[in-house]
Amino acid sequence: MEHTLPRGVVDSSVRNVYGDPSRVTSELVDRYYELTLRGGNRQALAYRMDQRVSGDEVHIKRLKLPTLILWGARDHLIPLENAQRFATDIQGSKLVVFENLGHVPQEEDAQETVKALKSFLDLR
């Protein structure tokens, strides 16, 4: 992956992270693919994949600040149970679940995610 990442793999990955894969266009796949061609991006992705699980869960429970957790119910990469655990563990947090979105709700429906953010920040 560090030296080659076929466009077909990128296409499959992008479709996997969208809650509704039919919304993935060839232009969107091109954008993601072009990002993989930028210097250092493939190495960074390989490094991230090697990390698997990082951090210490104890630290999450120490957070004591307002936290907005945005999650797509159709996230195939990181299950919704993780979001629910974050919401339980972080005092002052608010969990917003988007039923029809996947791993990248901010990209799939920017208007709804901004609406949730504005509500959380009490901006009208």
C-alpha atoms as a PDB file:
ATOM      1  CA  MET A   1       0.000   0.000   0.000  1.00  0.00           C
ATOM      2  CA  GLU A   2       2.918   2.315   0.617  1.00  0.00           C
ATOM      3  CA  HIS A   3       3.993   2.120  -3.016  1.00  0.00           C
ATOM      4  CA  THR A   4       0.785   1.418  -4.888  1.00  0.00           C
ATOM      5  CA  LEU A   5      -2.883   1.838  -4.158  1.00  0.00           C
ATOM      6  CA  PRO A   6      -5.067   0.983  -7.144  1.00  0.00           C
ATOM      7  CA  ARG A   7      -8.003   3.279  -7.898  1.00  0.00           C
ATOM      8  CA  GLY A   8     -10.332   0.273  -7.546  1.00  0.00           C
ATOM      9  CA  VAL A   9      -9.268  -0.142  -3.916  1.00  0.00           C
ATOM     10  CA  VAL A  10      -9.919   3.542  -3.283  1.00  0.00           C
ATOM     11  CA  ASP A  11     -13.328   3.255  -4.980  1.00  0.00           C
ATOM     12  CA  SER A  12     -14.273   0.277  -2.806  1.00  0.00           C
ATOM     13  CA  SER A  13     -13.063   2.026   0.353  1.00  0.00           C
ATOM     14  CA  VAL A  14     -15.016   5.208  -0.327  1.00  0.00           C
ATOM     15  CA  ARG A  15     -18.189   3.231  -1.054  1.00  0.00           C
ATOM     16  CA  ASN A  16     -17.658   1.346   2.203  1.00  0.00           C
ATOM     17  CA  VAL A  17     -17.524   4.502   4.326  1.00  0.00           C
ATOM     18  CA  TYR A  18     -20.657   6.081   2.852  1.00  0.00           C
ATOM     19  CA  GLY A  19     -23.989   5.166   4.415  1.00  0.00           C
ATOM     20  CA  ASP A  20     -25.495   5.230   0.918  1.00  0.00           C
ATOM     21  CA  PRO A  21     -22.825   4.015  -1.539  1.00  0.00           C
ATOM     22  CA  SER A  22     -24.983   5.088  -4.495  1.00  0.00           C
ATOM     23  CA  ARG A  23     -24.088   8.703  -3.607  1.00  0.00           C
ATOM     24  CA  VAL A  24     -20.406   8.070  -4.392  1.00  0.00           C
ATOM     25  CA  THR A  25     -19.500   9.630  -7.728  1.00  0.00           C
ATOM     26  CA  SER A  26     -16.494   8.990  -9.919  1.00  0.00           C
ATOM     27  CA  GLU A  27     -15.408  12.584  -9.184  1.00  0.00           C
ATOM     28  CA  LEU A  28     -15.439  11.846  -5.448  1.00  0.00           C
ATOM     29  CA  VAL A  29     -13.375   8.699  -5.954  1.00  0.00           C
ATOM     30  CA  ASP A  30     -10.964  10.691  -8.148  1.00  0.00           C
ATOM     31  CA  ARG A  31     -10.534  13.244  -5.339  1.00  0.00           C
ATOM     32  CA  TYR A  32      -9.745  10.540  -2.776  1.00  0.00           C
ATOM     33  CA  TYR A  33      -7.419   8.774  -5.223  1.00  0.00           C
ATOM     34  CA  GLU A  34      -5.573  12.006  -5.985  1.00  0.00           C
ATOM     35  CA  LEU A  35      -5.085  12.545  -2.263  1.00  0.00           C
ATOM     36  CA  THR A  36      -3.323   9.165  -2.080  1.00  0.00           C
ATOM     37  CA  LEU A  37      -0.836  10.413  -4.666  1.00  0.00           C
ATOM     38  CA  ARG A  38       0.311  13.354  -2.553  1.00  0.00           C
ATOM     39  CA  GLY A  39       3.707  12.968  -0.930  1.00  0.00           C
ATOM     40  CA  GLY A  40       3.583  11.196   2.418  1.00  0.00           C
ATOM     41  CA  ASN A  41      -0.116  10.303   2.356  1.00  0.00           C
ATOM     42  CA  ARG A  42       0.319   6.599   1.595  1.00  0.00           C
ATOM     43  CA  GLN A  43       2.985   6.268   4.259  1.00  0.00           C
ATOM     44  CA  ALA A  44       0.730   8.036   6.754  1.00  0.00           C
ATOM     45  CA  LEU A  45      -2.155   5.702   5.892  1.00  0.00           C
ATOM     46  CA  ALA A  46       0.074   2.659   6.300  1.00  0.00           C
ATOM     47  CA  TYR A  47       1.281   4.006   9.654  1.00  0.00           C
ATOM     48  CA  ARG A  48      -2.295   4.614  10.805  1.00  0.00           C
ATOM     49  CA  MET A  49      -3.330   1.074   9.821  1.00  0.00           C
ATOM     50  CA  ASP A  50      -0.433  -0.318  11.861  1.00  0.00           C
ATOM     51  CA  GLN A  51      -1.636   1.496  14.956  1.00  0.00           C
ATOM     52  CA  ARG A  52      -4.952  -0.393  15.131  1.00  0.00           C
ATOM     53  CA  VAL A  53      -5.991   0.613  18.629  1.00  0.00           C
ATOM     54  CA  SER A  54      -4.244   3.523  20.210  1.00  0.00           C
ATOM     55  CA  GLY A  55      -4.654   5.455  23.380  1.00  0.00           C
ATOM     56  CA  ASP A  56      -5.782   4.570  26.828  1.00  0.00           C
ATOM     57  CA  GLU A  57      -9.502   4.409  27.544  1.00  0.00           C
ATOM     58  CA  VAL A  58      -8.891   5.724  31.058  1.00  0.00           C
ATOM     59  CA  HIS A  59      -8.013   9.130  29.604  1.00  0.00           C
ATOM     60  CA  ILE A  60     -11.383   9.413  27.840  1.00  0.00           C
ATOM     61  CA  LYS A  61     -13.218   9.110  31.137  1.00  0.00           C
ATOM     62  CA  ARG A  62     -11.147  12.012  32.508  1.00  0.00           C
ATOM     63  CA  LEU A  63     -12.544  14.460  29.964  1.00  0.00           C
ATOM     64  CA  LYS A  64     -14.765  17.023  31.643  1.00  0.00           C
ATOM     65  CA  LEU A  65     -15.727  19.388  28.861  1.00  0.00           C
ATOM     66  CA  PRO A  66     -18.657  19.791  26.508  1.00  0.00           C
ATOM     67  CA  THR A  67     -18.091  17.344  23.673  1.00  0.00           C
ATOM     68  CA  LEU A  68     -20.145  16.809  20.534  1.00  0.00           C
ATOM     69  CA  ILE A  69     -20.004  13.284  19.153  1.00  0.00           C
ATOM     70  CA  LEU A  70     -21.255  12.987  15.574  1.00  0.00           C
ATOM     71  CA  TRP A  71     -21.792   9.457  14.269  1.00  0.00           C
ATOM     72  CA  GLY A  72     -23.343   7.770  11.280  1.00  0.00           C
ATOM     73  CA  ALA A  73     -25.537   4.802  12.213  1.00  0.00           C
ATOM     74  CA  ARG A  74     -24.369   3.093   9.010  1.00  0.00           C
ATOM     75  CA  ASP A  75     -20.675   3.384   9.907  1.00  0.00           C
ATOM     76  CA  HIS A  76     -19.152   0.068   8.794  1.00  0.00           C
ATOM     77  CA  LEU A  77     -15.666   0.916  10.094  1.00  0.00           C
ATOM     78  CA  ILE A  78     -16.340   1.875  13.701  1.00  0.00           C
ATOM     79  CA  PRO A  79     -19.543   0.521  15.267  1.00  0.00           C
ATOM     80  CA  LEU A  80     -22.102   2.823  16.864  1.00  0.00           C
ATOM     81  CA  GLU A  81     -21.433   1.148  20.213  1.00  0.00           C
ATOM     82  CA  ASN A  82     -18.161   3.099  20.324  1.00  0.00           C
ATOM     83  CA  ALA A  83     -20.036   6.392  20.062  1.00  0.00           C
ATOM     84  CA  GLN A  84     -22.436   5.307  22.764  1.00  0.00           C
ATOM     85  CA  ARG A  85     -19.512   4.408  25.000  1.00  0.00           C
ATOM     86  CA  PHE A  86     -17.894   7.800  24.367  1.00  0.00           C
ATOM     87  CA  ALA A  87     -21.172   9.501  25.269  1.00  0.00           C
ATOM     88  CA  THR A  88     -21.338   7.540  28.519  1.00  0.00           C
ATOM     89  CA  ASP A  89     -17.688   8.069  29.402  1.00  0.00           C
ATOM     90  CA  ILE A  90     -17.372  11.783  28.596  1.00  0.00           C
ATOM     91  CA  GLN A  91     -19.191  14.019  31.051  1.00  0.00           C
ATOM     92  CA  GLY A  92     -21.037  16.827  29.307  1.00  0.00           C
ATOM     93  CA  SER A  93     -21.065  15.112  25.942  1.00  0.00           C
ATOM     94  CA  LYS A  94     -23.872  15.025  23.435  1.00  0.00           C
ATOM     95  CA  LEU A  95     -24.224  12.215  20.905  1.00  0.00           C
ATOM     96  CA  VAL A  96     -25.916  12.924  17.580  1.00  0.00           C
ATOM     97  CA  VAL A  97     -26.539   9.866  15.414  1.00  0.00           C
ATOM     98  CA  PHE A  98     -27.373  10.298  11.747  1.00  0.00           C
ATOM     99  CA  GLU A  99     -29.476   7.282  10.815  1.00  0.00           C
ATOM    100  CA  ASN A 100     -28.753   7.255   7.074  1.00  0.00           C
ATOM    101  CA  LEU A 101     -25.095   8.259   7.128  1.00  0.00           C
ATOM    102  CA  GLY A 102     -21.884   6.313   7.443  1.00  0.00           C
ATOM    103  CA  HIS A 103     -18.322   6.951   8.609  1.00  0.00           C
ATOM    104  CA  VAL A 104     -18.043  10.442   7.124  1.00  0.00           C
ATOM    105  CA  PRO A 105     -21.315  12.189   8.054  1.00  0.00           C
ATOM    106  CA  GLN A 106     -19.705  15.632   7.671  1.00  0.00           C
ATOM    107  CA  GLU A 107     -19.039  14.807   4.041  1.00  0.00           C
ATOM    108  CA  GLU A 108     -22.213  12.897   3.251  1.00  0.00           C
ATOM    109  CA  ASP A 109     -24.518  15.579   4.612  1.00  0.00           C
ATOM    110  CA  ALA A 110     -22.641  18.736   5.509  1.00  0.00           C
ATOM    111  CA  GLN A 111     -25.830  20.699   6.163  1.00  0.00           C
ATOM    112  CA  GLU A 112     -27.114  18.289   8.802  1.00  0.00           C
ATOM    113  CA  THR A 113     -23.765  18.046  10.556  1.00  0.00           C
ATOM    114  CA  VAL A 114     -23.402  21.836  10.616  1.00  0.00           C
ATOM    115  CA  LYS A 115     -26.958  22.071  11.947  1.00  0.00           C
ATOM    116  CA  ALA A 116     -26.033  19.692  14.791  1.00  0.00           C
ATOM    117  CA  LEU A 117     -22.869  21.682  15.492  1.00  0.00           C
ATOM    118  CA  LYS A 118     -24.737  24.992  15.571  1.00  0.00           C
ATOM    119  CA  SER A 119     -27.304  23.519  17.941  1.00  0.00           C
ATOM    120  CA  PHE A 120     -24.549  22.210  20.209  1.00  0.00           C
ATOM    121  CA  LEU A 121     -22.859  25.629  20.232  1.00  0.00           C
ATOM    122  CA  ASP A 122     -26.254  27.286  20.698  1.00  0.00           C
ATOM    123  CA  LEU A 123     -25.861  29.258  17.461  1.00  0.00           C
ATOM    124  CA  ARG A 124     -28.982  29.971  15.480  1.00  0.00           C
END
